[in-house]
């Protein structure tokens, strides 16, 4: 009996020779280890992908907090509407209007002047248009005045007659002329003119702030 045979064992359990038998690790254990390692890799990749999706749909990761805060600090609120431009517009009672008729129809200058007076304007001269404009104003009317009237009297008086054009001359006075043209029918209805005047005097909202 070989010295390698444990005491009390013989027969088919007898070990002969002078070498220990080679012992192999069971193959199923190796498969379990490989499967566990693969599962860890797959779960890790899935977790990383999930974090990336969360980062995209949440608008950025925590590392972007400083950048976003910086942009917020640089974003200034929109300026409030100013009434400076509105305050510069005169009221109808501060505007003197000369009414001239450039059409073949008689009486238009007087009736138009009377209606403007009812609406609060100061009436100056009334009569036929000068030769330079008589029967030469094809539209509803022409507003004529000094250069300064373009940002004052013209917009206010223009609310009373839609479609009237404007032109400047070299006069030194603040009065303006309303020359009635051949397409004139009547001043705009008072309700329409009043609404246009209110809109003209309402400050326009400032554009929204851009960040």
Protein backbone atom coordinates (compact mmCIF):
# COMPACT_ATOMS: atom_id res chain seq x y z
CA UNK A 1 0.00 0.00 0.00
CA UNK A 2 1.28 3.34 -0.85
CA UNK A 3 2.02 5.86 1.84
CA UNK A 4 -0.44 8.16 0.12
CA UNK A 5 -3.37 5.88 0.98
CA UNK A 6 -5.14 7.12 4.12
CA UNK A 7 -5.29 4.60 6.96
CA UNK A 8 -8.28 2.30 6.77
CA UNK A 9 -8.89 2.89 3.07
CA UNK A 10 -8.11 0.44 0.40
CA UNK A 11 -9.64 -1.21 -2.57
CA UNK A 12 -10.86 1.28 -5.08
CA UNK A 13 -9.78 4.12 -2.82
CA UNK A 14 -6.21 2.90 -2.84
CA UNK A 15 -3.76 5.41 -4.10
CA UNK A 16 -0.68 4.06 -5.74
CA UNK A 17 2.42 5.85 -6.80
CA UNK A 18 4.34 8.58 -5.13
CA UNK A 19 2.37 11.65 -6.36
CA UNK A 20 -0.71 13.40 -5.04
CA UNK A 21 -3.69 13.34 -7.39
CA UNK A 22 -4.27 16.60 -9.31
CA UNK A 23 -7.31 18.45 -7.94
CA UNK A 24 -9.29 20.72 -10.32
CA UNK A 25 -11.65 23.55 -9.33
CA UNK A 26 -15.16 22.72 -10.36
CA UNK A 27 -16.04 24.39 -13.67
CA UNK A 28 -19.47 25.57 -12.53
CA UNK A 29 -17.86 27.83 -9.90
CA UNK A 30 -15.77 29.57 -12.55
CA UNK A 31 -18.88 30.21 -14.60
CA UNK A 32 -20.59 31.79 -11.60
CA UNK A 33 -17.64 34.14 -11.04
CA UNK A 34 -17.60 35.20 -14.71
CA UNK A 35 -21.35 35.77 -14.74
CA UNK A 36 -21.16 37.90 -11.59
CA UNK A 37 -18.38 40.02 -13.06
CA UNK A 38 -20.34 40.56 -16.27
CA UNK A 39 -23.44 41.57 -14.31
CA UNK A 40 -21.45 44.14 -12.34
CA UNK A 41 -20.12 45.68 -15.57
CA UNK A 42 -23.58 45.80 -17.17
CA UNK A 43 -25.20 47.34 -14.10
CA UNK A 44 -22.45 49.92 -13.86
CA UNK A 45 -22.89 50.94 -17.50
CA UNK A 46 -26.66 51.14 -17.08
CA UNK A 47 -26.31 53.31 -13.99
CA UNK A 48 -23.92 55.69 -15.75
CA UNK A 49 -26.30 55.99 -18.71
CA UNK A 50 -29.21 56.75 -16.38
CA UNK A 51 -27.23 59.53 -14.71
CA UNK A 52 -26.47 61.04 -18.13
CA UNK A 53 -30.16 61.04 -19.09
CA UNK A 54 -31.14 62.65 -15.80
CA UNK A 55 -28.47 65.28 -16.36
CA UNK A 56 -29.78 66.08 -19.85
CA UNK A 57 -33.44 66.37 -18.88
CA UNK A 58 -32.75 68.32 -15.69
CA UNK A 59 -30.83 70.98 -17.59
CA UNK A 60 -27.39 70.12 -16.38
CA UNK A 61 -25.56 68.55 -13.49
CA UNK A 62 -24.57 70.08 -10.22
CA UNK A 63 -21.36 71.29 -11.80
CA UNK A 64 -23.39 73.75 -13.89
CA UNK A 65 -24.86 75.48 -10.83
CA UNK A 66 -22.09 78.01 -10.69
CA UNK A 67 -22.38 78.78 -14.40
CA UNK A 68 -26.16 79.11 -14.25
CA UNK A 69 -25.92 81.32 -11.19
CA UNK A 70 -23.42 83.47 -13.01
CA UNK A 71 -25.77 83.93 -15.93
CA UNK A 72 -28.59 84.80 -13.54
CA UNK A 73 -26.44 87.42 -11.88
CA UNK A 74 -25.67 89.02 -15.25
CA UNK A 75 -29.34 89.03 -16.30
CA UNK A 76 -30.82 92.46 -15.62
CA UNK A 77 -34.58 93.04 -15.37
CA UNK A 78 -36.29 94.87 -18.18
CA UNK A 79 -36.45 98.63 -17.62
CA UNK A 80 -39.81 99.99 -16.58
CA UNK A 81 -41.79 101.97 -19.12
CA UNK A 82 -40.89 105.62 -19.01
CA UNK A 83 -43.35 108.49 -19.30
CA UNK A 84 -40.74 110.96 -20.55
CA UNK A 85 -41.80 110.60 -24.19
CA UNK A 86 -45.48 110.80 -23.26
CA UNK A 87 -44.96 113.92 -21.19
CA UNK A 88 -43.42 115.61 -24.25
CA UNK A 89 -46.67 115.32 -26.24
CA UNK A 90 -48.88 118.37 -25.97
CA UNK A 91 -52.55 118.16 -25.07
CA UNK A 92 -55.14 119.26 -27.64
CA UNK A 93 -55.70 122.46 -25.63
CA UNK A 94 -52.02 123.33 -26.20
CA UNK A 95 -52.24 123.03 -29.99
CA UNK A 96 -53.41 125.86 -32.22
CA UNK A 97 -54.78 124.60 -35.53
CA UNK A 98 -55.33 126.67 -38.68
CA UNK A 99 -57.92 124.97 -40.88
CA UNK A 100 -57.76 125.49 -44.63
CA UNK A 101 -59.96 124.05 -47.37
CA UNK A 102 -58.13 122.87 -50.51
CA UNK A 103 -61.24 121.32 -52.12
CA UNK A 104 -63.93 122.81 -54.42
CA UNK A 105 -66.54 122.10 -51.70
CA UNK A 106 -67.40 125.11 -49.62
CA UNK A 107 -67.88 125.23 -45.87
CA UNK A 108 -65.51 122.34 -45.00
CA UNK A 109 -62.98 124.53 -43.20
CA UNK A 110 -65.62 126.03 -40.89
CA UNK A 111 -67.39 122.78 -39.98
CA UNK A 112 -64.09 120.98 -39.42
CA UNK A 113 -62.74 123.80 -37.27
CA UNK A 114 -65.91 123.76 -35.16
CA UNK A 115 -65.57 120.01 -34.55
CA UNK A 116 -61.89 120.30 -33.61
CA UNK A 117 -62.79 123.04 -31.16
CA UNK A 118 -65.33 120.72 -29.51
CA UNK A 119 -62.55 118.15 -29.13
CA UNK A 120 -60.37 120.56 -27.22
CA UNK A 121 -58.11 122.08 -29.88
CA UNK A 122 -57.48 125.81 -30.17
CA UNK A 123 -58.58 127.17 -33.53
CA UNK A 124 -56.55 129.82 -35.32
CA UNK A 125 -57.22 130.87 -38.91
CA UNK A 126 -60.01 129.46 -41.07
CA UNK A 127 -60.29 129.83 -44.83
CA UNK A 128 -59.31 128.57 -48.25
CA UNK A 129 -55.92 126.94 -48.73
CA UNK A 130 -53.02 129.01 -50.10
CA UNK A 131 -52.47 128.82 -53.85
CA UNK A 132 -49.55 126.41 -53.37
CA UNK A 133 -51.96 123.81 -51.95
CA UNK A 134 -55.39 124.77 -53.34
CA UNK A 135 -56.84 121.69 -55.07
CA UNK A 136 -53.39 120.07 -54.83
CA UNK A 137 -53.87 117.85 -51.78
CA UNK A 138 -55.15 114.50 -53.10
CA UNK A 139 -55.46 112.72 -49.75
CA UNK A 140 -57.75 113.26 -46.78
CA UNK A 141 -55.62 116.09 -45.45
CA UNK A 142 -52.18 117.55 -44.92
CA UNK A 143 -50.64 118.60 -41.62
CA UNK A 144 -48.21 121.47 -42.07
CA UNK A 145 -45.96 122.97 -39.39
CA UNK A 146 -42.48 123.58 -38.08
CA UNK A 147 -39.94 120.77 -37.65
CA UNK A 148 -40.68 120.52 -33.93
CA UNK A 149 -44.30 119.57 -34.69
CA UNK A 150 -43.26 116.12 -35.93
CA UNK A 151 -42.78 114.97 -32.33
CA UNK A 152 -45.52 117.05 -30.78
CA UNK A 153 -48.56 118.51 -32.52
CA UNK A 154 -48.57 116.25 -35.59
CA UNK A 155 -49.09 112.93 -33.75
CA UNK A 156 -51.82 114.44 -31.55
CA UNK A 157 -53.69 116.15 -34.38
CA UNK A 158 -53.22 113.08 -36.56
CA UNK A 159 -55.42 111.05 -34.21
CA UNK A 160 -58.39 113.08 -35.46
CA UNK A 161 -57.94 112.31 -39.16
CA UNK A 162 -56.63 108.94 -40.18
CA UNK A 163 -54.68 109.03 -43.43
CA UNK A 164 -53.53 112.63 -43.13
CA UNK A 165 -49.95 113.19 -44.26
CA UNK A 166 -47.46 115.55 -42.63
CA UNK A 167 -45.00 118.08 -43.99
CA UNK A 168 -42.72 120.66 -42.36
CA UNK A 169 -41.98 124.23 -43.34
CA UNK A 170 -39.78 127.04 -42.07
CA UNK A 171 -42.27 128.80 -39.80
CA UNK A 172 -41.03 129.92 -36.40
CA UNK A 173 -44.41 129.63 -34.65
CA UNK A 174 -45.88 126.58 -32.89
CA UNK A 175 -49.24 126.62 -34.69
CA UNK A 176 -50.00 123.93 -37.30
CA UNK A 177 -52.16 123.87 -40.40
CA UNK A 178 -54.74 121.28 -41.30
CA UNK A 179 -55.27 121.54 -45.04
CA UNK A 180 -58.33 119.56 -46.09
CA UNK A 181 -57.70 117.42 -49.18
CA UNK A 182 -59.97 116.22 -51.97
CA UNK A 183 -60.43 112.75 -50.37
CA UNK A 184 -61.70 114.27 -47.11
CA UNK A 185 -65.15 113.18 -45.95
CA UNK A 186 -65.14 113.98 -42.24
CA UNK A 187 -62.96 113.81 -39.17
CA UNK A 188 -62.71 110.37 -37.58
CA UNK A 189 -65.55 109.63 -35.14
CA UNK A 190 -64.82 111.14 -31.74
CA UNK A 191 -64.77 107.74 -30.01
CA UNK A 192 -62.21 106.46 -32.50
CA UNK A 193 -60.09 109.59 -32.19
CA UNK A 194 -60.24 109.49 -28.39
CA UNK A 195 -59.10 105.85 -28.37
CA UNK A 196 -56.21 106.70 -30.68
CA UNK A 197 -55.27 109.61 -28.42
CA UNK A 198 -55.29 107.35 -25.34
CA UNK A 199 -53.09 104.79 -27.12
CA UNK A 200 -50.72 107.55 -28.17
CA UNK A 201 -50.32 108.71 -24.59
CA UNK A 202 -49.89 105.21 -23.15
CA UNK A 203 -46.24 104.27 -22.48
CA UNK A 204 -45.09 101.34 -24.57
CA UNK A 205 -43.86 98.33 -22.58
CA UNK A 206 -40.10 97.87 -22.56
CA UNK A 207 -38.70 94.81 -24.35
CA UNK A 208 -38.18 91.74 -22.18
CA UNK A 209 -34.73 91.24 -20.69
CA UNK A 210 -32.48 88.84 -22.59
CA UNK A 211 -30.11 86.63 -20.63
